[in-house]
Amino acid sequence: MTRIAEPTGPQLPETQPACNTEDALPTASMADTVLLLLVLSVVQRLIGFVRASLFCRWLDPAELGRWDMSFAFLMTAGPLVVLALAGCLGRYVEYYRRRSRLRTFIRRTASLYFGLAIVGSVVVLAAAEPLSVLIFGTAAEAATVRLLAAALLAVTTFNYVYELAAALRNTRLAVSLQFVNSVLFALLGVGLLLGREVSATSVIIAYGAACSITVLPAVVWLVRNWTKLPEQSTAVAAEPNRFWRPLLFYSAWAWAAATLSNLFEVADRYMIVHFANGKPDQALALVGDYHASRLVPVLMVSVAALVGSIVTPHLSHDWERGERERVSQRLNLLAKLFGLLLLCGGGVILATAPWLFGSILGGKYGGGLAVLPLTLTYCVWFSLFLILENYVLCCERSHLVGVSMAAGLATNVVLNLLLLPRFGLPGAVAATAVGNAVALAAIMGFSYRHGLRFDKGTLLMALVPTVFLLGPIATAGAIVLL
């Protein structure tokens, strides 16, 4: 969810001046990018919500927990095994495009990337039993891990072609890849659950197949347009060391940031698998309950991530013009307006939760319904985190985002060790909530130290999500008072 700012380190080779001529590949304007992103994001999230609701309804809690842990593994292992190399595409594609070296750049990065992806998948395949213990808390799921090895290769391939399309500023292709992937996953997932077996295995197969199929049109597009890319440069070919140093430095930094962000996201579920009382299936059932409680709240987080990324260039524009006070005013206003919107959304979710969990999800996730107020609370806190982190990004202190998340992660892990064995799922979610509160407090503290002045409304909005714990009536009262 967090965004990566450019690190300082080894410099790019300057063996050839930038060219003024553009290649023949079409690109999209920023206005077109934002509009297309917003429209398809709304539709994609609606499809994702329907898909996830059906998965929750048809899978039992333990199977849903298996799918949740499988997906968490894929999202964490994906950038891990390829050293987050795809993250450098957005930074360096334009550099090599303008110097007529883009084909060399793509060929070299793709060769290393897919080599690492294949090696990573083979390692997962060979270490199926110990990884099964790590992911699912039991060696009995080794067959599932072997299936995840194949899915991992499909996911990393999809990630590369998506990042490449985005780096080439082909917005229609990049956004279409995400959209088609979401639709295919929904269709294949529902089809396999209805026609094969109702299990996490069917969902994993559907996800891997969706990623594999989605890649094909992107590969066809790249092959057809390969000759339109700028010609290779003999200067780069003669200096591979100067070519790789800045790329690997940037990727290593991005790898560390992505790993920290992913651990912050999934640590609580791994803690449940390994430290909850009971058998592995019981722990996975708790993860399934937790997954159900996050079904709607994570939509708020995804919207916050989208809004946060859209406002970054506008805030950066004000910052570079020296209008620091305007940046503070805009962030305060955005935090209050977005916080109020999330508060209203949370109130609606709480009011409709009995119907959602009873009628839509089949009445199987009582534990998820019980922890929903806590889940809503920390999702709002993390959403505010994604908005307010923009200040330290503007003042080029992006490492403070990582420090804040590390503080929240450490708090989460320590409290889970204390609360989870005694209180079960409520203890785990409470630990996660406190971890998110610590991360939010840290980023607010760092921002204040570097010049962001919070008004009373923003501070109140950071505290008011705790009203979810008092129920929908108290939440409605808080909304009226605000």
Protein backbone atom coordinates (compact mmCIF):
# COMPACT_ATOMS: atom_id res chain seq x y z
CA MET A 1 0.00 0.00 0.00
CA THR A 2 2.82 2.39 0.71
CA ARG A 3 4.58 4.20 -2.10
CA ILE A 4 8.29 4.26 -2.80
CA ALA A 5 10.27 7.43 -3.24
CA GLU A 6 13.50 7.50 -5.21
CA PRO A 7 16.59 6.57 -3.15
CA THR A 8 20.01 8.08 -3.58
CA GLY A 9 22.82 5.81 -4.67
CA PRO A 10 24.85 4.80 -7.71
CA GLN A 11 24.14 7.02 -10.68
CA LEU A 12 22.95 5.97 -14.11
CA PRO A 13 25.53 5.70 -16.89
CA GLU A 14 25.77 8.82 -19.04
CA THR A 15 27.44 7.26 -22.05
CA GLN A 16 24.97 8.77 -24.49
CA PRO A 17 22.99 12.01 -24.38
CA ALA A 18 19.23 11.97 -24.20
CA CYS A 19 17.43 11.98 -27.50
CA ASN A 20 14.75 14.50 -28.30
CA THR A 21 12.91 12.10 -30.58
CA GLU A 22 10.17 9.90 -29.15
CA ASP A 23 9.61 6.31 -30.23
CA ALA A 24 6.43 5.26 -31.96
CA LEU A 25 4.73 3.74 -28.93
CA PRO A 26 1.59 5.61 -27.85
CA THR A 27 1.35 6.98 -24.32
CA ALA A 28 -1.53 8.39 -22.29
CA SER A 29 -1.85 11.81 -20.69
CA MET A 30 -2.09 12.17 -16.92
CA ALA A 31 -5.72 13.32 -17.18
CA ASP A 32 -6.63 10.22 -19.20
CA THR A 33 -4.73 8.09 -16.71
CA VAL A 34 -6.60 9.41 -13.67
CA LEU A 35 -10.03 9.22 -15.33
CA LEU A 36 -9.56 5.68 -16.60
CA LEU A 37 -8.08 4.60 -13.29
CA LEU A 38 -11.02 5.95 -11.30
CA VAL A 39 -13.72 4.45 -13.52
CA LEU A 40 -12.22 0.99 -13.80
CA SER A 41 -11.15 0.97 -10.15
CA VAL A 42 -14.76 1.39 -9.03
CA VAL A 43 -15.98 -1.39 -11.33
CA GLN A 44 -13.04 -3.63 -10.42
CA ARG A 45 -13.69 -3.23 -6.70
CA LEU A 46 -17.36 -4.05 -7.19
CA ILE A 47 -16.41 -7.23 -9.04
CA GLY A 48 -13.88 -8.06 -6.34
CA PHE A 49 -16.46 -7.58 -3.60
CA VAL A 50 -18.98 -9.87 -5.32
CA ARG A 51 -16.28 -12.48 -5.93
CA ALA A 52 -15.02 -12.38 -2.35
CA SER A 53 -18.58 -12.56 -0.99
CA LEU A 54 -19.27 -15.70 -3.01
CA PHE A 55 -16.00 -17.26 -1.83
CA CYS A 56 -16.97 -16.54 1.76
CA ARG A 57 -20.45 -17.96 1.25
CA TRP A 58 -19.34 -21.20 -0.40
CA LEU A 59 -16.12 -21.99 1.46
CA ASP A 60 -16.15 -23.08 5.07
CA PRO A 61 -14.06 -20.98 7.49
CA ALA A 62 -11.04 -23.32 7.41
CA GLU A 63 -10.94 -23.43 3.60
CA LEU A 64 -11.36 -19.66 3.44
CA GLY A 65 -8.45 -19.40 5.86
CA ARG A 66 -6.35 -21.62 3.58
CA TRP A 67 -7.08 -19.33 0.65
CA ASP A 68 -6.32 -16.22 2.72
CA MET A 69 -2.95 -17.61 3.81
CA SER A 70 -2.18 -18.77 0.26
CA PHE A 71 -2.90 -15.33 -1.15
CA ALA A 72 -0.87 -13.68 1.63
CA PHE A 73 2.07 -15.93 0.74
CA LEU A 74 1.84 -15.07 -2.97
CA MET A 75 1.70 -11.34 -2.27
CA THR A 76 4.67 -11.53 0.11
CA ALA A 77 6.81 -14.01 -1.82
CA GLY A 78 6.17 -12.38 -5.22
CA PRO A 79 8.42 -9.32 -4.80
CA LEU A 80 10.68 -11.25 -2.41
CA VAL A 81 11.92 -13.88 -4.88
CA VAL A 82 12.50 -11.40 -7.75
CA LEU A 83 14.16 -8.75 -5.55
CA ALA A 84 11.30 -6.35 -6.40
CA LEU A 85 13.03 -5.83 -9.75
CA ALA A 86 9.77 -4.85 -11.45
CA GLY A 87 9.70 -1.82 -9.16
CA CYS A 88 12.57 -0.24 -11.09
CA LEU A 89 10.67 -0.23 -14.40
CA GLY A 90 8.65 2.87 -13.61
CA ARG A 91 11.82 4.72 -12.67
CA TYR A 92 14.12 3.73 -15.53
CA VAL A 93 12.03 2.90 -18.62
CA GLU A 94 11.78 6.56 -19.64
CA TYR A 95 15.50 7.07 -19.08
CA TYR A 96 16.41 4.27 -21.50
CA ARG A 97 13.60 5.13 -23.90
CA ARG A 98 15.00 8.64 -24.39
CA ARG A 99 18.50 7.27 -24.91
CA SER A 100 17.39 4.67 -27.49
CA ARG A 101 18.36 1.76 -25.25
CA LEU A 102 14.95 0.49 -24.24
CA ARG A 103 15.16 -2.92 -25.89
CA THR A 104 18.44 -3.66 -24.12
CA PHE A 105 16.92 -2.52 -20.84
CA ILE A 106 13.80 -4.69 -21.20
CA ARG A 107 15.74 -7.74 -22.40
CA ARG A 108 18.23 -7.59 -19.54
CA THR A 109 15.77 -6.88 -16.75
CA ALA A 110 13.32 -9.49 -18.06
CA SER A 111 16.08 -12.13 -18.26
CA LEU A 112 17.15 -11.55 -14.67
CA TYR A 113 13.58 -11.16 -13.42
CA PHE A 114 12.25 -14.38 -14.93
CA GLY A 115 15.40 -16.25 -14.01
CA LEU A 116 14.85 -15.28 -10.38
CA ALA A 117 11.14 -16.12 -10.64
CA ILE A 118 11.88 -19.62 -11.94
CA VAL A 119 14.51 -20.22 -9.27
CA GLY A 120 12.11 -18.96 -6.60
CA SER A 121 9.33 -21.25 -7.78
CA VAL A 122 11.72 -24.23 -7.82
CA VAL A 123 12.84 -23.42 -4.27
CA VAL A 124 9.20 -23.25 -3.12
CA LEU A 125 8.56 -26.58 -4.84
CA ALA A 126 11.59 -28.21 -3.19
CA ALA A 127 10.82 -26.78 0.25
CA ALA A 128 7.12 -27.62 0.18
CA GLU A 129 6.94 -29.27 3.61
CA PRO A 130 8.77 -26.63 5.70
CA LEU A 131 6.92 -23.87 3.85
CA SER A 132 3.66 -25.68 4.56
CA VAL A 133 4.47 -25.46 8.26
CA LEU A 134 5.31 -21.76 7.90
CA ILE A 135 2.20 -20.84 5.91
CA PHE A 136 -0.44 -23.20 7.28
CA GLY A 137 0.99 -24.41 10.59
CA THR A 138 1.15 -28.04 9.43
CA ALA A 139 3.20 -30.15 7.00
CA ALA A 140 -0.03 -31.73 5.71
CA GLU A 141 -0.53 -28.88 3.21
CA ALA A 142 2.64 -29.62 1.21
CA ALA A 143 0.53 -30.37 -1.89
CA THR A 144 -1.04 -26.93 -1.61
CA VAL A 145 2.42 -25.34 -1.43
CA ARG A 146 3.45 -27.17 -4.61
CA LEU A 147 0.43 -25.66 -6.31
CA LEU A 148 1.45 -22.26 -4.94
CA ALA A 149 4.87 -22.69 -6.58
CA ALA A 150 3.19 -22.75 -9.99
CA ALA A 151 0.89 -19.88 -9.04
CA LEU A 152 3.90 -17.86 -7.87
CA LEU A 153 5.46 -18.05 -11.33
CA ALA A 154 2.19 -16.89 -12.90
CA VAL A 155 1.80 -14.02 -10.43
CA THR A 156 5.36 -12.74 -10.87
CA THR A 157 4.97 -12.88 -14.66
CA PHE A 158 1.77 -10.86 -14.46
CA ASN A 159 3.42 -8.32 -12.15
CA TYR A 160 6.26 -7.74 -14.61
CA VAL A 161 4.10 -7.18 -17.68
CA TYR A 162 1.75 -4.92 -15.71
CA GLU A 163 4.60 -2.80 -14.36
CA LEU A 164 6.16 -2.63 -17.83
CA ALA A 165 2.90 -1.45 -19.40
CA ALA A 166 2.52 1.18 -16.68
CA ALA A 167 6.15 2.29 -17.09
CA LEU A 168 5.62 2.68 -20.84
CA ARG A 169 2.69 4.96 -19.97
CA ASN A 170 0.29 2.71 -21.85
CA THR A 171 -2.51 3.35 -19.39
CA ARG A 172 -5.17 1.51 -21.33
CA LEU A 173 -3.11 -1.66 -21.45
CA ALA A 174 -2.01 -1.47 -17.79
CA VAL A 175 -5.47 -0.78 -16.39
CA SER A 176 -7.06 -3.28 -18.76
CA LEU A 177 -4.68 -5.97 -17.52
CA GLN A 178 -5.80 -5.39 -13.95
CA PHE A 179 -9.45 -5.27 -14.93
CA VAL A 180 -9.35 -8.40 -17.10
CA ASN A 181 -7.40 -10.24 -14.42
CA SER A 182 -10.08 -9.39 -11.85
CA VAL A 183 -12.91 -10.49 -14.16
CA LEU A 184 -11.16 -13.72 -15.16
CA PHE A 185 -10.39 -14.56 -11.54
CA ALA A 186 -14.05 -14.08 -10.64
CA LEU A 187 -15.31 -16.20 -13.54
CA LEU A 188 -12.75 -18.98 -13.12
CA GLY A 189 -13.07 -18.99 -9.34
CA VAL A 190 -16.85 -19.25 -9.38
CA GLY A 191 -16.73 -21.81 -12.20
CA LEU A 192 -14.22 -24.08 -10.44
CA LEU A 193 -16.02 -23.86 -7.11
CA LEU A 194 -19.28 -24.85 -8.78
CA GLY A 195 -17.86 -27.45 -11.17
CA ARG A 196 -14.81 -28.89 -9.43
CA GLU A 197 -14.67 -28.84 -5.64
CA VAL A 198 -15.46 -26.28 -2.98
CA SER A 199 -11.95 -25.77 -1.64
CA ALA A 200 -9.09 -23.31 -1.47
CA THR A 201 -7.31 -25.40 -4.11
CA SER A 202 -9.91 -24.41 -6.70
CA VAL A 203 -9.45 -20.74 -5.86
CA ILE A 204 -5.65 -20.99 -6.11
CA ILE A 205 -5.93 -22.67 -9.52
CA ALA A 206 -8.35 -19.95 -10.66
CA TYR A 207 -6.03 -17.15 -9.53
CA GLY A 208 -2.95 -18.66 -11.15
CA ALA A 209 -4.85 -19.34 -14.37
CA ALA A 210 -6.25 -15.79 -14.45
CA CYS A 211 -2.75 -14.32 -14.12
CA SER A 212 -1.40 -16.65 -16.82
CA ILE A 213 -4.18 -15.91 -19.31
CA THR A 214 -4.04 -12.15 -18.71
CA VAL A 215 -0.35 -12.09 -19.58
CA LEU A 216 -0.93 -13.41 -23.11
CA PRO A 217 -2.41 -10.27 -24.74
CA ALA A 218 0.32 -8.16 -23.13
CA VAL A 219 3.01 -10.43 -24.59
CA VAL A 220 1.35 -10.26 -28.02
CA TRP A 221 1.25 -6.46 -27.77
CA LEU A 222 4.94 -6.31 -26.82
CA VAL A 223 6.00 -8.63 -29.66
CA ARG A 224 4.05 -6.60 -32.21
CA ASN A 225 5.52 -3.32 -30.97
CA TRP A 226 9.06 -4.55 -30.28
CA THR A 227 10.51 -2.98 -33.41
CA LYS A 228 8.93 0.36 -32.48
CA LEU A 229 11.07 0.52 -29.37
CA PRO A 230 14.29 2.58 -29.64
CA GLU A 231 17.34 0.77 -31.03
CA GLN A 232 19.87 -0.76 -28.68
CA SER A 233 23.01 1.11 -27.72
CA THR A 234 26.44 -0.53 -28.04
CA ALA A 235 27.62 1.73 -25.22
CA VAL A 236 25.32 0.05 -22.73
CA ALA A 237 26.15 -3.41 -24.02
CA ALA A 238 29.83 -2.72 -23.37
CA GLU A 239 29.28 -1.56 -19.78
CA PRO A 240 27.03 -4.07 -18.00
CA ASN A 241 28.39 -3.14 -14.57
CA ARG A 242 27.39 0.51 -14.93
CA PHE A 243 24.04 -0.66 -16.27
CA TRP A 244 23.23 -2.92 -13.31
CA ARG A 245 24.57 -0.98 -10.32
CA PRO A 246 21.89 1.75 -10.12
CA LEU A 247 19.10 -0.68 -11.03
CA LEU A 248 20.02 -3.22 -8.38
CA PHE A 249 20.54 -0.51 -5.77
CA TYR A 250 17.09 0.89 -6.47
CA SER A 251 15.53 -2.59 -6.53
CA ALA A 252 17.18 -3.55 -3.25
CA TRP A 253 15.74 -0.46 -1.60
CA ALA A 254 12.32 -1.16 -3.12
CA TRP A 255 12.60 -4.80 -2.04
CA ALA A 256 13.15 -3.80 1.58
CA ALA A 257 10.25 -1.35 1.48
CA ALA A 258 7.90 -3.88 -0.15
CA THR A 259 8.87 -6.61 2.31
CA LEU A 260 8.21 -4.35 5.29
CA SER A 261 4.87 -3.22 3.86
CA ASN A 262 3.77 -6.79 3.15
CA LEU A 263 4.79 -8.00 6.60
CA PHE A 264 2.84 -5.13 8.15
CA GLU A 265 -0.18 -6.35 6.17
CA VAL A 266 -0.02 -10.11 6.90
CA ALA A 267 1.80 -10.49 10.23
CA ASP A 268 -1.38 -10.90 12.28
CA ARG A 269 -2.57 -13.86 10.19
CA TYR A 270 0.77 -15.64 10.51
CA MET A 271 0.59 -15.05 14.25
CA ILE A 272 -2.87 -16.63 14.34
CA VAL A 273 -1.66 -19.70 12.45
CA HIS A 274 1.30 -20.26 14.78
CA PHE A 275 0.18 -19.01 18.18
CA ALA A 276 -3.58 -19.53 18.41
CA ASN A 277 -4.73 -22.35 20.66
CA GLY A 278 -6.08 -25.49 18.99
CA LYS A 279 -5.29 -27.57 15.92
CA PRO A 280 -4.11 -26.13 12.58
CA ASP A 281 -7.60 -26.39 11.07
CA GLN A 282 -9.00 -24.42 13.98
CA ALA A 283 -6.37 -21.71 13.50
CA LEU A 284 -7.16 -21.55 9.78
CA ALA A 285 -10.85 -21.24 10.65
CA LEU A 286 -9.96 -18.20 12.76
CA VAL A 287 -8.13 -16.77 9.74
CA GLY A 288 -11.30 -17.42 7.73
CA ASP A 289 -13.37 -15.50 10.28
CA TYR A 290 -10.83 -12.69 10.15
CA HIS A 291 -10.96 -12.67 6.34
CA ALA A 292 -14.75 -12.26 6.48
CA SER A 293 -14.46 -9.36 8.93
CA ARG A 294 -12.06 -7.60 6.53
CA LEU A 295 -14.25 -8.14 3.46
CA VAL A 296 -15.76 -4.64 3.38
CA PRO A 297 -13.30 -2.61 5.51
CA VAL A 298 -10.37 -3.33 3.17
CA LEU A 299 -12.33 -1.63 0.39
CA MET A 300 -11.98 1.59 2.39
CA VAL A 301 -8.23 1.04 2.61
CA SER A 302 -7.96 0.49 -1.15
CA VAL A 303 -9.86 3.72 -1.82
CA ALA A 304 -7.56 5.57 0.61
CA ALA A 305 -4.50 4.19 -1.20
CA LEU A 306 -5.92 5.37 -4.51
CA VAL A 307 -6.75 8.84 -3.17
CA GLY A 308 -3.37 9.13 -1.49
CA SER A 309 -1.51 8.32 -4.70
CA ILE A 310 -3.61 10.75 -6.75
CA VAL A 311 -3.05 13.73 -4.42
CA THR A 312 0.71 13.18 -4.11
CA PRO A 313 1.71 15.13 -7.27
CA HIS A 314 -0.62 18.01 -6.36
CA LEU A 315 0.86 18.30 -2.88
CA SER A 316 4.36 17.96 -4.33
CA HIS A 317 3.56 20.81 -6.75
CA ASP A 318 2.60 23.09 -3.85
CA TRP A 319 5.68 22.00 -1.91
CA GLU A 320 8.09 22.78 -4.74
CA ARG A 321 6.53 26.24 -5.08
CA GLY A 322 7.37 26.85 -1.43
CA GLU A 323 3.72 26.80 -0.31
CA ARG A 324 4.29 24.58 2.73
CA GLU A 325 1.34 26.06 4.61
CA ARG A 326 -0.94 25.17 1.71
CA VAL A 327 0.28 21.56 1.88
CA SER A 328 -0.63 21.47 5.58
CA GLN A 329 -4.04 22.97 4.93
CA ARG A 330 -4.80 20.55 2.12
CA LEU A 331 -3.73 17.51 4.12
CA ASN A 332 -5.78 18.61 7.14
CA LEU A 333 -8.83 19.15 4.95
CA LEU A 334 -8.36 15.85 3.14
CA ALA A 335 -7.90 13.92 6.39
CA LYS A 336 -11.06 15.44 7.87
CA LEU A 337 -13.23 14.96 4.80
CA PHE A 338 -11.98 11.46 4.07
CA GLY A 339 -12.11 10.52 7.75
CA LEU A 340 -15.73 11.67 7.96
CA LEU A 341 -16.56 9.70 4.82
CA LEU A 342 -14.96 6.59 6.32
CA LEU A 343 -16.83 7.15 9.57
CA CYS A 344 -20.14 7.30 7.68
CA GLY A 345 -19.19 4.22 5.68
CA GLY A 346 -18.23 2.37 8.84
CA GLY A 347 -21.56 3.27 10.42
CA VAL A 348 -23.42 1.82 7.43
CA ILE A 349 -21.29 -1.33 7.58
CA LEU A 350 -22.01 -1.81 11.28
CA ALA A 351 -25.74 -1.25 10.79
CA THR A 352 -25.96 -3.76 7.94
CA ALA A 353 -23.45 -6.26 9.36
CA PRO A 354 -26.04 -8.74 10.75
CA TRP A 355 -27.68 -8.94 7.32
CA LEU A 356 -24.34 -9.14 5.51
CA PHE A 357 -22.95 -11.93 7.69
CA GLY A 358 -26.28 -13.74 7.98
CA SER A 359 -27.79 -13.57 4.50
CA ILE A 360 -24.87 -12.86 2.17
CA LEU A 361 -22.11 -14.85 3.89
CA GLY A 362 -24.35 -17.70 5.02
CA GLY A 363 -24.16 -17.18 8.79
CA LYS A 364 -20.84 -19.06 9.07
CA TYR A 365 -18.61 -16.30 10.37
CA GLY A 366 -19.83 -15.36 13.82
CA GLY A 367 -16.26 -14.75 14.93
CA GLY A 368 -15.76 -12.33 12.06
CA LEU A 369 -18.92 -10.43 12.97
CA ALA A 370 -17.74 -10.15 16.58
CA VAL A 371 -14.43 -8.50 15.65
CA LEU A 372 -15.85 -6.30 12.87
CA PRO A 373 -15.84 -3.09 14.99
CA LEU A 374 -12.14 -3.55 15.76
CA THR A 375 -11.39 -4.33 12.12
CA LEU A 376 -13.21 -1.18 11.00
CA THR A 377 -11.32 0.88 13.56
CA TYR A 378 -7.86 -0.12 12.42
CA CYS A 379 -8.77 0.03 8.73
CA VAL A 380 -9.79 3.68 9.18
CA TRP A 381 -6.53 4.35 11.03
CA PHE A 382 -4.50 2.76 8.26
CA SER A 383 -6.49 4.72 5.66
CA LEU A 384 -5.58 7.96 7.44
CA PHE A 385 -1.97 6.76 7.54
CA LEU A 386 -2.00 6.40 3.74
CA ILE A 387 -3.29 9.96 3.40
CA LEU A 388 -1.00 11.65 5.93
CA GLU A 389 2.20 9.90 4.81
CA ASN A 390 2.16 12.31 1.88
CA TYR A 391 3.72 15.01 4.03
CA VAL A 392 6.96 13.13 4.76
CA LEU A 393 7.06 12.07 1.11
CA CYS A 394 6.86 15.72 0.05
CA CYS A 395 9.68 16.74 2.38
CA GLU A 396 11.81 13.82 1.13
CA ARG A 397 11.76 11.90 4.39
CA SER A 398 10.21 8.76 2.93
CA HIS A 399 12.25 6.51 5.24
CA LEU A 400 10.04 7.76 8.07
CA VAL A 401 7.13 5.87 6.49
CA GLY A 402 9.14 2.68 6.92
CA VAL A 403 10.11 3.61 10.48
CA SER A 404 6.45 4.20 11.35
CA MET A 405 5.39 0.89 9.85
CA ALA A 406 8.22 -0.93 11.60
CA ALA A 407 7.05 0.50 14.93
CA GLY A 408 3.50 -0.63 14.20
CA LEU A 409 4.69 -4.08 13.09
CA ALA A 410 6.78 -4.59 16.23
CA THR A 411 3.85 -3.52 18.41
CA ASN A 412 1.54 -5.88 16.54
CA VAL A 413 3.84 -8.89 16.96
CA VAL A 414 4.55 -8.30 20.65
CA LEU A 415 0.88 -7.76 21.54
CA ASN A 416 -0.15 -10.80 19.51
CA LEU A 417 2.26 -12.92 21.52
CA LEU A 418 0.59 -11.66 24.69
CA LEU A 419 -3.08 -11.49 23.67
CA LEU A 420 -3.61 -14.17 21.04
CA PRO A 421 -3.13 -17.29 23.22
CA ARG A 422 -5.46 -15.90 25.87
CA PHE A 423 -8.18 -14.14 23.88
CA GLY A 424 -8.04 -15.80 20.47
CA LEU A 425 -9.16 -13.85 17.40
CA PRO A 426 -10.34 -10.75 19.35
CA GLY A 427 -6.87 -10.54 20.90
CA ALA A 428 -5.19 -10.79 17.50
CA VAL A 429 -7.37 -8.06 15.98
CA ALA A 430 -6.89 -5.85 19.04
CA ALA A 431 -3.12 -6.23 18.66
CA THR A 432 -3.38 -5.27 15.00
CA ALA A 433 -5.53 -2.26 15.87
CA VAL A 434 -2.99 -1.02 18.40
CA GLY A 435 -0.19 -1.60 15.88
CA ASN A 436 -2.00 0.55 13.32
CA ALA A 437 -2.63 3.21 15.95
CA VAL A 438 1.09 3.28 16.76
CA ALA A 439 1.97 3.58 13.06
CA LEU A 440 -0.52 6.44 12.62
CA ALA A 441 0.73 8.22 15.73
CA ALA A 442 4.32 7.83 14.54
CA ILE A 443 3.68 9.26 11.07
CA MET A 444 1.72 12.14 12.59
CA GLY A 445 4.56 12.80 15.03
CA PHE A 446 7.19 12.77 12.30
CA SER A 447 5.04 15.03 10.12
CA TYR A 448 4.57 17.49 12.99
CA ARG A 449 8.29 17.51 13.63
CA HIS A 450 8.91 18.47 9.99
CA GLY A 451 6.36 21.24 9.88
CA LEU A 452 2.84 19.82 9.48
CA ARG A 453 0.47 21.55 11.90
CA PHE A 454 -2.65 19.54 12.68
CA ASP A 455 -5.85 21.35 13.51
CA LYS A 456 -8.25 20.07 16.15
CA GLY A 457 -10.55 18.50 13.59
CA THR A 458 -7.79 16.28 12.22
CA LEU A 459 -6.76 15.16 15.70
CA LEU A 460 -10.39 14.42 16.53
CA MET A 461 -10.79 12.41 13.34
CA ALA A 462 -7.80 10.28 14.34
CA LEU A 463 -9.51 9.42 17.64
CA VAL A 464 -13.15 9.10 16.62
CA PRO A 465 -12.90 5.67 14.86
CA THR A 466 -12.87 4.10 18.34
CA VAL A 467 -16.59 4.90 18.45
CA PHE A 468 -17.11 1.83 16.23
CA LEU A 469 -16.45 -0.24 19.35
CA LEU A 470 -19.63 1.18 20.91
CA GLY A 471 -21.89 0.02 18.09
CA PRO A 472 -23.90 1.52 15.22
CA ILE A 473 -26.08 3.79 17.38
CA ALA A 474 -23.09 5.46 19.03
CA THR A 475 -21.43 5.77 15.62
CA ALA A 476 -24.53 7.46 14.20
CA GLY A 477 -24.52 9.86 17.15
CA ALA A 478 -20.87 10.73 16.56
CA ILE A 479 -21.59 11.42 12.89
CA VAL A 480 -24.44 13.76 13.81
CA LEU A 481 -22.29 15.62 16.35
CA LEU A 482 -19.45 16.04 13.86
